[in-house]
Amino acid sequence: MLSDAEITKKISAKLKELRLKQNISRQDMAASSGVSASSIVRMEDGEIKSFESFMRIVRTLGKMEIFASLLQEEEIGPNEYYRLVHSVRTKQRKRASRSNIKNTDKEETEW
């Protein structure tokens, strides 16, 4: 398993590689993404400080599909759905029946 620093370094190198493969200069990337050229330099050197800037670069490079698995909602099967609905129904508050309520008219309490 890679450390966070190693992952950041690999992602940074990949961003630079993708930019160069698409023959995009840092200035053009800055103009297209709205991220400053100095931020792009830092990002490619392994300093990804802003997730928003990172997303803009990824979008500009046309690689938003890397987030697809994070954006998919989990689908539940019929059995899980039944268990979920059944557990909600059984947890609903129940009211006391009339037979369990004590009749306070029979005795008076003293204060």
N, C-alpha and C. Protein backbone atom coordinates (compact mmCIF):
# COMPACT_ATOMS: atom_id res chain seq x y z
N MET A 1 0.84 -1.18 0.00
CA MET A 1 0.00 0.00 0.00
C MET A 1 0.88 1.24 0.00
N LEU A 2 0.54 2.18 -0.82
CA LEU A 2 1.32 3.42 -0.94
C LEU A 2 0.92 4.42 0.14
N SER A 3 1.88 5.22 0.55
CA SER A 3 1.59 6.29 1.51
C SER A 3 0.87 7.42 0.79
N ASP A 4 0.31 8.34 1.56
CA ASP A 4 -0.38 9.48 0.96
C ASP A 4 0.57 10.32 0.12
N ALA A 5 1.79 10.50 0.61
CA ALA A 5 2.79 11.30 -0.13
C ALA A 5 3.14 10.63 -1.45
N GLU A 6 3.27 9.30 -1.46
CA GLU A 6 3.58 8.58 -2.70
C GLU A 6 2.43 8.66 -3.69
N ILE A 7 1.22 8.57 -3.19
CA ILE A 7 0.04 8.67 -4.06
C ILE A 7 -0.02 10.06 -4.68
N THR A 8 0.19 11.09 -3.86
CA THR A 8 0.18 12.47 -4.36
C THR A 8 1.25 12.67 -5.42
N LYS A 9 2.44 12.10 -5.20
CA LYS A 9 3.53 12.24 -6.16
C LYS A 9 3.18 11.56 -7.48
N LYS A 10 2.57 10.37 -7.41
CA LYS A 10 2.19 9.65 -8.63
C LYS A 10 1.09 10.40 -9.39
N ILE A 11 0.11 10.92 -8.66
CA ILE A 11 -0.98 11.66 -9.31
C ILE A 11 -0.43 12.92 -9.97
N SER A 12 0.46 13.61 -9.27
CA SER A 12 1.07 14.82 -9.82
C SER A 12 1.83 14.53 -11.11
N ALA A 13 2.60 13.46 -11.09
CA ALA A 13 3.36 13.07 -12.29
C ALA A 13 2.41 12.71 -13.43
N LYS A 14 1.31 12.05 -13.10
CA LYS A 14 0.34 11.67 -14.12
C LYS A 14 -0.33 12.90 -14.74
N LEU A 15 -0.64 13.90 -13.91
CA LEU A 15 -1.22 15.13 -14.45
C LEU A 15 -0.29 15.79 -15.45
N LYS A 16 0.99 15.85 -15.09
CA LYS A 16 1.97 16.46 -15.99
C LYS A 16 2.09 15.65 -17.28
N GLU A 17 2.13 14.33 -17.13
CA GLU A 17 2.23 13.44 -18.30
C GLU A 17 1.03 13.62 -19.23
N LEU A 18 -0.16 13.68 -18.67
CA LEU A 18 -1.37 13.87 -19.49
C LEU A 18 -1.35 15.23 -20.19
N ARG A 19 -0.93 16.26 -19.48
CA ARG A 19 -0.86 17.59 -20.08
C ARG A 19 0.12 17.60 -21.26
N LEU A 20 1.28 16.99 -21.06
CA LEU A 20 2.29 16.96 -22.12
C LEU A 20 1.85 16.09 -23.31
N LYS A 21 1.19 14.97 -23.04
CA LYS A 21 0.69 14.11 -24.12
C LYS A 21 -0.33 14.84 -24.98
N GLN A 22 -1.11 15.71 -24.35
CA GLN A 22 -2.11 16.47 -25.09
C GLN A 22 -1.54 17.76 -25.66
N ASN A 23 -0.23 17.94 -25.46
CA ASN A 23 0.48 19.11 -26.00
C ASN A 23 -0.14 20.43 -25.54
N ILE A 24 -0.39 20.51 -24.23
CA ILE A 24 -0.98 21.71 -23.64
C ILE A 24 0.10 22.38 -22.78
N SER A 25 0.33 23.65 -23.03
CA SER A 25 1.30 24.37 -22.20
C SER A 25 0.66 24.71 -20.85
N ARG A 26 1.48 25.05 -19.89
CA ARG A 26 0.96 25.43 -18.57
C ARG A 26 0.09 26.69 -18.68
N GLN A 27 0.50 27.60 -19.55
CA GLN A 27 -0.27 28.83 -19.73
C GLN A 27 -1.64 28.53 -20.34
N ASP A 28 -1.67 27.63 -21.33
CA ASP A 28 -2.95 27.24 -21.94
C ASP A 28 -3.82 26.50 -20.93
N MET A 29 -3.18 25.65 -20.12
CA MET A 29 -3.92 24.92 -19.08
C MET A 29 -4.51 25.91 -18.08
N ALA A 30 -3.74 26.90 -17.71
CA ALA A 30 -4.21 27.92 -16.77
C ALA A 30 -5.41 28.67 -17.35
N ALA A 31 -5.31 29.05 -18.61
CA ALA A 31 -6.41 29.78 -19.26
C ALA A 31 -7.66 28.92 -19.38
N SER A 32 -7.49 27.65 -19.71
CA SER A 32 -8.64 26.75 -19.90
C SER A 32 -9.30 26.35 -18.59
N SER A 33 -8.49 26.16 -17.56
CA SER A 33 -9.02 25.63 -16.30
C SER A 33 -9.39 26.70 -15.28
N GLY A 34 -8.82 27.89 -15.44
CA GLY A 34 -9.06 28.92 -14.44
C GLY A 34 -8.17 28.77 -13.22
N VAL A 35 -7.15 27.93 -13.32
CA VAL A 35 -6.17 27.72 -12.26
C VAL A 35 -4.90 28.44 -12.68
N SER A 36 -4.28 29.15 -11.75
CA SER A 36 -3.08 29.92 -12.12
C SER A 36 -1.94 28.99 -12.56
N ALA A 37 -1.08 29.51 -13.43
CA ALA A 37 0.06 28.73 -13.92
C ALA A 37 0.99 28.33 -12.77
N SER A 38 1.14 29.20 -11.78
CA SER A 38 1.99 28.85 -10.64
C SER A 38 1.38 27.71 -9.81
N SER A 39 0.06 27.68 -9.72
CA SER A 39 -0.60 26.56 -9.02
C SER A 39 -0.42 25.26 -9.79
N ILE A 40 -0.44 25.34 -11.10
CA ILE A 40 -0.23 24.15 -11.93
C ILE A 40 1.19 23.63 -11.74
N VAL A 41 2.16 24.53 -11.69
CA VAL A 41 3.55 24.13 -11.45
C VAL A 41 3.66 23.41 -10.11
N ARG A 42 3.07 24.01 -9.06
CA ARG A 42 3.13 23.38 -7.73
C ARG A 42 2.41 22.03 -7.73
N MET A 43 1.27 21.97 -8.41
CA MET A 43 0.50 20.74 -8.46
C MET A 43 1.31 19.63 -9.15
N GLU A 44 1.97 19.98 -10.23
CA GLU A 44 2.78 18.98 -10.95
C GLU A 44 4.04 18.61 -10.17
N ASP A 45 4.43 19.44 -9.20
CA ASP A 45 5.58 19.13 -8.34
C ASP A 45 5.17 18.37 -7.08
N GLY A 46 3.89 18.03 -6.96
CA GLY A 46 3.44 17.21 -5.84
C GLY A 46 2.74 17.96 -4.73
N GLU A 47 2.40 19.21 -4.94
CA GLU A 47 1.71 20.00 -3.92
C GLU A 47 0.26 20.25 -4.35
N ILE A 48 -0.57 19.26 -4.16
CA ILE A 48 -1.99 19.41 -4.49
C ILE A 48 -2.68 19.93 -3.23
N LYS A 49 -2.87 21.24 -3.17
CA LYS A 49 -3.43 21.89 -1.98
C LYS A 49 -4.94 22.08 -2.08
N SER A 50 -5.43 22.34 -3.27
CA SER A 50 -6.84 22.65 -3.46
C SER A 50 -7.51 21.56 -4.29
N PHE A 51 -8.52 20.94 -3.71
CA PHE A 51 -9.25 19.90 -4.44
C PHE A 51 -10.01 20.52 -5.61
N GLU A 52 -10.51 21.72 -5.42
CA GLU A 52 -11.24 22.39 -6.50
C GLU A 52 -10.32 22.64 -7.70
N SER A 53 -9.10 23.09 -7.45
CA SER A 53 -8.14 23.30 -8.54
C SER A 53 -7.79 21.98 -9.20
N PHE A 54 -7.61 20.95 -8.40
CA PHE A 54 -7.33 19.61 -8.93
C PHE A 54 -8.45 19.16 -9.85
N MET A 55 -9.70 19.36 -9.42
CA MET A 55 -10.85 18.96 -10.25
C MET A 55 -10.88 19.74 -11.56
N ARG A 56 -10.56 21.01 -11.52
CA ARG A 56 -10.54 21.82 -12.74
C ARG A 56 -9.49 21.31 -13.72
N ILE A 57 -8.33 20.94 -13.21
CA ILE A 57 -7.27 20.41 -14.07
C ILE A 57 -7.71 19.08 -14.67
N VAL A 58 -8.26 18.20 -13.85
CA VAL A 58 -8.72 16.89 -14.33
C VAL A 58 -9.80 17.07 -15.39
N ARG A 59 -10.72 18.00 -15.16
CA ARG A 59 -11.79 18.27 -16.15
C ARG A 59 -11.20 18.79 -17.45
N THR A 60 -10.25 19.71 -17.36
CA THR A 60 -9.62 20.27 -18.55
C THR A 60 -8.88 19.20 -19.34
N LEU A 61 -8.29 18.24 -18.63
CA LEU A 61 -7.58 17.15 -19.30
C LEU A 61 -8.54 16.08 -19.84
N GLY A 62 -9.83 16.22 -19.53
CA GLY A 62 -10.82 15.27 -20.03
C GLY A 62 -10.78 13.92 -19.34
N LYS A 63 -10.46 13.92 -18.05
CA LYS A 63 -10.32 12.66 -17.32
C LYS A 63 -11.27 12.54 -16.14
N MET A 64 -12.43 13.16 -16.22
CA MET A 64 -13.39 13.12 -15.11
C MET A 64 -13.91 11.72 -14.80
N GLU A 65 -13.73 10.80 -15.74
CA GLU A 65 -14.22 9.43 -15.51
C GLU A 65 -13.50 8.75 -14.35
N ILE A 66 -12.36 9.29 -13.93
CA ILE A 66 -11.67 8.68 -12.78
C ILE A 66 -12.50 8.79 -11.50
N PHE A 67 -13.47 9.69 -11.49
CA PHE A 67 -14.33 9.86 -10.32
C PHE A 67 -15.64 9.09 -10.43
N ALA A 68 -15.84 8.37 -11.51
CA ALA A 68 -17.11 7.70 -11.76
C ALA A 68 -17.49 6.72 -10.65
N SER A 69 -16.54 5.95 -10.17
CA SER A 69 -16.87 4.97 -9.14
C SER A 69 -17.24 5.64 -7.82
N LEU A 70 -16.74 6.84 -7.58
CA LEU A 70 -17.09 7.56 -6.36
C LEU A 70 -18.48 8.19 -6.45
N LEU A 71 -18.92 8.45 -7.66
CA LEU A 71 -20.20 9.13 -7.86
C LEU A 71 -21.37 8.18 -8.02
N GLN A 72 -21.10 6.89 -8.21
CA GLN A 72 -22.18 5.93 -8.37
C GLN A 72 -22.83 5.65 -7.02
N GLU A 73 -24.15 5.64 -7.02
CA GLU A 73 -24.87 5.30 -5.81
C GLU A 73 -25.01 3.79 -5.74
N GLU A 74 -24.90 3.29 -4.53
CA GLU A 74 -25.02 1.84 -4.36
C GLU A 74 -26.45 1.41 -4.60
N GLU A 75 -26.59 0.34 -5.35
CA GLU A 75 -27.90 -0.23 -5.57
C GLU A 75 -28.08 -1.36 -4.58
N ILE A 76 -29.26 -1.42 -3.98
CA ILE A 76 -29.50 -2.50 -3.04
C ILE A 76 -30.44 -3.52 -3.66
N GLY A 77 -30.23 -4.75 -3.30
CA GLY A 77 -31.05 -5.82 -3.83
C GLY A 77 -32.39 -5.91 -3.11
N PRO A 78 -33.28 -6.76 -3.59
CA PRO A 78 -34.60 -6.88 -2.98
C PRO A 78 -34.55 -7.33 -1.53
N ASN A 79 -33.63 -8.23 -1.21
CA ASN A 79 -33.53 -8.70 0.18
C ASN A 79 -33.09 -7.59 1.12
N GLU A 80 -32.09 -6.81 0.70
CA GLU A 80 -31.63 -5.70 1.52
C GLU A 80 -32.72 -4.65 1.69
N TYR A 81 -33.48 -4.41 0.60
CA TYR A 81 -34.57 -3.44 0.66
C TYR A 81 -35.63 -3.91 1.65
N TYR A 82 -35.97 -5.18 1.61
CA TYR A 82 -36.97 -5.72 2.54
C TYR A 82 -36.50 -5.56 3.98
N ARG A 83 -35.23 -5.91 4.24
CA ARG A 83 -34.69 -5.78 5.60
C ARG A 83 -34.70 -4.31 6.06
N LEU A 84 -34.37 -3.42 5.16
CA LEU A 84 -34.35 -2.00 5.50
C LEU A 84 -35.75 -1.50 5.85
N VAL A 85 -36.74 -1.82 5.01
CA VAL A 85 -38.12 -1.39 5.25
C VAL A 85 -38.66 -2.05 6.51
N HIS A 86 -38.38 -3.33 6.68
CA HIS A 86 -38.88 -4.06 7.85
C HIS A 86 -38.28 -3.50 9.14
N SER A 87 -37.01 -3.15 9.11
CA SER A 87 -36.38 -2.62 10.32
C SER A 87 -36.96 -1.25 10.70
N VAL A 88 -37.34 -0.46 9.71
CA VAL A 88 -37.96 0.84 9.98
C VAL A 88 -39.33 0.65 10.59
N ARG A 89 -40.08 -0.29 10.08
CA ARG A 89 -41.43 -0.53 10.60
C ARG A 89 -41.39 -1.03 12.03
N THR A 90 -40.45 -1.88 12.37
CA THR A 90 -40.40 -2.44 13.72
C THR A 90 -39.87 -1.42 14.73
N LYS A 91 -39.19 -0.38 14.27
CA LYS A 91 -38.65 0.61 15.18
C LYS A 91 -39.61 1.76 15.44
N GLN A 92 -40.78 1.74 14.81
CA GLN A 92 -41.73 2.82 15.01
C GLN A 92 -42.27 2.79 16.43
N ARG A 93 -42.51 3.97 16.97
CA ARG A 93 -42.99 4.10 18.33
C ARG A 93 -44.38 3.51 18.45
N LYS A 94 -44.59 2.77 19.52
CA LYS A 94 -45.91 2.17 19.76
C LYS A 94 -46.57 2.93 20.90
N ARG A 95 -47.87 3.08 20.80
CA ARG A 95 -48.64 3.77 21.82
C ARG A 95 -49.10 2.77 22.87
N ALA A 96 -49.24 3.25 24.08
CA ALA A 96 -49.72 2.39 25.16
C ALA A 96 -51.20 2.11 24.95
N SER A 97 -51.61 0.93 25.32
CA SER A 97 -53.02 0.59 25.19
C SER A 97 -53.79 1.20 26.35
N ARG A 98 -55.08 1.36 26.21
CA ARG A 98 -55.93 1.97 27.23
C ARG A 98 -55.93 1.14 28.51
N SER A 99 -55.78 -0.15 28.43
CA SER A 99 -55.84 -0.99 29.62
C SER A 99 -54.62 -0.79 30.52
N ASN A 100 -53.55 -0.28 30.00
CA ASN A 100 -52.35 -0.06 30.79
C ASN A 100 -52.32 1.30 31.48
N ILE A 101 -53.24 2.17 31.13
CA ILE A 101 -53.28 3.50 31.72
C ILE A 101 -54.00 3.42 33.06
N LYS A 102 -53.36 3.91 34.12
CA LYS A 102 -53.96 3.86 35.46
C LYS A 102 -55.05 4.91 35.58
N ASN A 103 -56.08 4.55 36.27
CA ASN A 103 -57.19 5.47 36.46
C ASN A 103 -56.85 6.36 37.65
N THR A 104 -56.64 7.61 37.42
CA THR A 104 -56.25 8.54 38.48
C THR A 104 -57.47 9.07 39.22
N ASP A 105 -58.68 8.80 38.75
CA ASP A 105 -59.88 9.27 39.42
C ASP A 105 -60.14 8.52 40.72
N LYS A 106 -59.66 7.31 40.86
CA LYS A 106 -59.94 6.48 42.02
C LYS A 106 -59.22 7.00 43.26
N GLU A 107 -58.04 7.51 43.12
CA GLU A 107 -57.29 7.97 44.27
C GLU A 107 -56.88 9.42 44.05
N GLU A 108 -56.95 10.18 45.12
CA GLU A 108 -56.45 11.53 45.04
C GLU A 108 -55.09 11.57 45.70
N THR A 109 -54.20 12.31 45.09
CA THR A 109 -52.88 12.43 45.68
C THR A 109 -52.83 13.69 46.52
N GLU A 110 -52.05 13.65 47.56
CA GLU A 110 -51.90 14.84 48.41
C GLU A 110 -50.60 15.52 48.09
N TRP A 111 -50.69 16.80 48.09
CA TRP A 111 -49.48 17.59 47.83
C TRP A 111 -49.01 18.15 49.10
